[in-house]
């Protein structure tokens, strides 16, 4: 049943699904046997809620970390990543989950290459702390993959500049 608040536009898709427009003009895929109302209330797989703090200086030892099945690795988007160890605090550096890399992963690879040169050394990094809140629906097509469900909070530092000497 379609409410008066919903506009209805149907386009048949392969596999029996239908593309509809809800009242907010957002496209919604309606699966076979599902009503538009049910499709609209299902949350998206990922929520792009993002918070970016003011720029500041972080100083500590730069460490390379290999991928592992952990929340920290999940938040980095896969593969090897870098952490700045500041006393007893770990700050992950950069993330493929950062929307700035969604269209251009080359920029991410460039910063990763720059960070690699500083591994094991004390450095200062000018950057912005970023927090992204993700709501991930239960879906794990391959058990070898890292699959996390529910509400996830990812934190990292968006690196703006790597400095040779720590700032005091």
Protein backbone atom coordinates (compact mmCIF):
# COMPACT_ATOMS: atom_id res chain seq x y z
CA UNK A 1 0.00 0.00 0.00
CA UNK A 2 1.32 3.40 -0.95
CA UNK A 3 0.55 6.31 1.34
CA UNK A 4 -0.45 9.73 0.02
CA UNK A 5 2.89 11.10 1.17
CA UNK A 6 4.82 8.84 -1.18
CA UNK A 7 5.30 9.48 -4.85
CA UNK A 8 5.38 6.30 -6.83
CA UNK A 9 7.61 5.75 -9.81
CA UNK A 10 8.25 2.19 -10.86
CA UNK A 11 11.00 0.92 -13.06
CA UNK A 12 11.53 -2.83 -13.32
CA UNK A 13 15.05 -4.02 -12.65
CA UNK A 14 16.74 -7.33 -13.38
CA UNK A 15 15.94 -9.98 -10.77
CA UNK A 16 12.39 -8.82 -10.03
CA UNK A 17 13.26 -5.70 -8.05
CA UNK A 18 11.58 -2.35 -8.61
CA UNK A 19 13.05 1.14 -8.31
CA UNK A 20 10.72 3.56 -6.55
CA UNK A 21 10.92 7.17 -5.39
CA UNK A 22 9.82 7.91 -1.83
CA UNK A 23 8.38 11.25 -0.69
CA UNK A 24 11.86 12.69 -0.21
CA UNK A 25 12.71 11.79 -3.83
CA UNK A 26 15.30 9.27 -2.65
CA UNK A 27 15.49 6.18 -4.87
CA UNK A 28 14.56 2.97 -3.08
CA UNK A 29 14.96 -0.59 -4.37
CA UNK A 30 11.88 -2.65 -3.59
CA UNK A 31 12.54 -6.39 -3.67
CA UNK A 32 9.97 -8.85 -4.97
CA UNK A 33 7.24 -9.39 -2.35
CA UNK A 34 8.22 -6.24 -0.39
CA UNK A 35 6.07 -3.13 -0.06
CA UNK A 36 7.45 0.35 -0.67
CA UNK A 37 6.79 1.18 2.99
CA UNK A 38 8.96 -1.78 4.11
CA UNK A 39 11.74 -0.77 1.71
CA UNK A 40 11.75 2.83 2.91
CA UNK A 41 12.05 1.85 6.58
CA UNK A 42 15.01 -0.50 6.07
CA UNK A 43 18.16 1.41 7.07
CA UNK A 44 20.93 1.80 4.48
CA UNK A 45 23.98 -0.46 4.79
CA UNK A 46 26.20 2.44 5.68
CA UNK A 47 25.54 5.77 7.33
CA UNK A 48 28.02 8.52 6.41
CA UNK A 49 27.78 10.43 9.70
CA UNK A 50 31.13 12.17 10.08
CA UNK A 51 32.71 14.54 12.62
CA UNK A 52 35.92 16.43 11.88
CA UNK A 53 37.77 18.19 14.69
CA UNK A 54 40.02 21.23 14.47
CA UNK A 55 43.56 20.86 13.16
CA UNK A 56 46.21 20.18 15.79
CA UNK A 57 49.67 18.61 16.24
CA UNK A 58 50.07 14.97 17.34
CA UNK A 59 53.58 13.78 18.33
CA UNK A 60 54.65 10.18 18.92
CA UNK A 61 56.23 7.06 17.44
CA UNK A 62 54.97 5.95 14.03
CA UNK A 63 54.18 2.23 13.85
CA UNK A 64 53.16 0.04 10.88
CA UNK A 65 50.39 -2.47 11.65
CA UNK A 66 49.47 -5.47 9.48
CA UNK A 67 45.80 -6.19 8.84
CA UNK A 68 44.10 -8.33 11.46
CA UNK A 69 40.51 -9.20 12.31
CA UNK A 70 39.86 -6.27 14.65
CA UNK A 71 37.71 -3.18 14.86
CA UNK A 72 40.79 -1.02 14.32
CA UNK A 73 41.64 -2.83 11.05
CA UNK A 74 38.00 -2.72 9.93
CA UNK A 75 37.93 1.04 10.45
CA UNK A 76 41.03 1.46 8.30
CA UNK A 77 39.39 -0.24 5.34
CA UNK A 78 41.72 -3.21 4.93
CA UNK A 79 45.40 -3.88 4.45
CA UNK A 80 48.41 -2.50 6.27
CA UNK A 81 47.92 0.77 8.12
CA UNK A 82 49.78 3.18 10.38
CA UNK A 83 49.39 4.15 14.02
CA UNK A 84 50.89 7.03 15.98
CA UNK A 85 51.73 5.87 19.51
CA UNK A 86 51.53 8.83 21.92
CA UNK A 87 52.35 7.64 25.45
CA UNK A 88 49.60 5.07 26.15
CA UNK A 89 47.28 6.32 23.38
CA UNK A 90 47.11 4.91 19.83
CA UNK A 91 45.95 7.11 16.97
CA UNK A 92 45.29 5.38 13.66
CA UNK A 93 46.36 7.47 10.69
CA UNK A 94 44.16 7.82 7.62
CA UNK A 95 41.39 5.45 6.57
CA UNK A 96 39.88 4.20 3.36
CA UNK A 97 36.57 4.76 5.15
CA UNK A 98 37.20 8.51 4.91
CA UNK A 99 34.82 9.95 2.30
CA UNK A 100 37.68 11.97 0.76
CA UNK A 101 39.12 8.70 -0.59
CA UNK A 102 35.89 7.21 -1.92
CA UNK A 103 36.43 8.73 -5.37
CA UNK A 104 40.25 8.76 -5.42
CA UNK A 105 42.15 5.96 -3.69
CA UNK A 106 45.38 7.15 -5.30
CA UNK A 107 45.59 10.01 -2.79
CA UNK A 108 45.30 7.45 0.02
CA UNK A 109 48.13 5.38 -1.44
CA UNK A 110 50.35 8.47 -1.70
CA UNK A 111 49.93 9.34 1.99
CA UNK A 112 50.53 5.68 2.92
CA UNK A 113 53.87 5.77 1.03
CA UNK A 114 54.86 8.96 2.86
CA UNK A 115 54.01 7.43 6.24
CA UNK A 116 56.05 4.30 5.45
CA UNK A 117 59.23 6.40 5.34
CA UNK A 118 58.74 7.44 9.00
CA UNK A 119 58.00 4.03 10.57
CA UNK A 120 59.87 3.51 13.86
CA UNK A 121 60.66 7.20 14.30
CA UNK A 122 59.30 9.90 16.57
CA UNK A 123 57.38 12.40 14.42
CA UNK A 124 54.89 15.22 14.70
CA UNK A 125 51.82 15.09 12.52
CA UNK A 126 49.59 18.03 11.77
CA UNK A 127 46.12 16.64 11.30
CA UNK A 128 42.45 16.49 12.10
CA UNK A 129 40.81 13.84 14.25
CA UNK A 130 37.92 12.28 12.32
CA UNK A 131 35.08 10.18 13.71
CA UNK A 132 32.73 8.26 11.43
CA UNK A 133 29.63 6.48 12.68
CA UNK A 134 28.65 3.50 10.55
CA UNK A 135 25.53 1.34 10.84
CA UNK A 136 26.32 -1.95 9.14
CA UNK A 137 23.54 -4.42 8.35
CA UNK A 138 24.25 -8.11 8.85
CA UNK A 139 25.76 -9.31 5.58
CA UNK A 140 28.86 -11.45 5.22
CA UNK A 141 29.16 -13.12 1.82
CA UNK A 142 32.60 -14.59 2.54
CA UNK A 143 33.61 -15.91 6.00
CA UNK A 144 37.27 -15.07 5.21
CA UNK A 145 36.29 -11.39 5.11
CA UNK A 146 36.02 -9.26 8.20
CA UNK A 147 32.32 -8.74 8.76
CA UNK A 148 31.13 -6.46 11.54
CA UNK A 149 27.47 -5.69 12.13
CA UNK A 150 25.62 -3.07 14.12
CA UNK A 151 26.71 0.44 15.05
CA UNK A 152 30.44 1.01 14.59
CA UNK A 153 32.45 4.09 15.56
CA UNK A 154 35.67 4.56 13.61
CA UNK A 155 38.34 7.12 14.59
CA UNK A 156 41.47 8.19 12.77
CA UNK A 157 43.66 11.19 12.11
CA UNK A 158 43.46 12.77 8.68
CA UNK A 159 47.14 13.62 8.05
CA UNK A 160 47.73 17.10 6.67
CA UNK A 161 51.50 17.29 7.18
CA UNK A 162 54.29 15.05 8.51
CA UNK A 163 57.02 16.97 10.33
CA UNK A 164 60.59 15.74 10.89
CA UNK A 165 61.03 17.02 14.44
CA UNK A 166 58.38 16.68 17.12
CA UNK A 167 56.86 20.01 18.14
CA UNK A 168 57.03 20.73 21.86
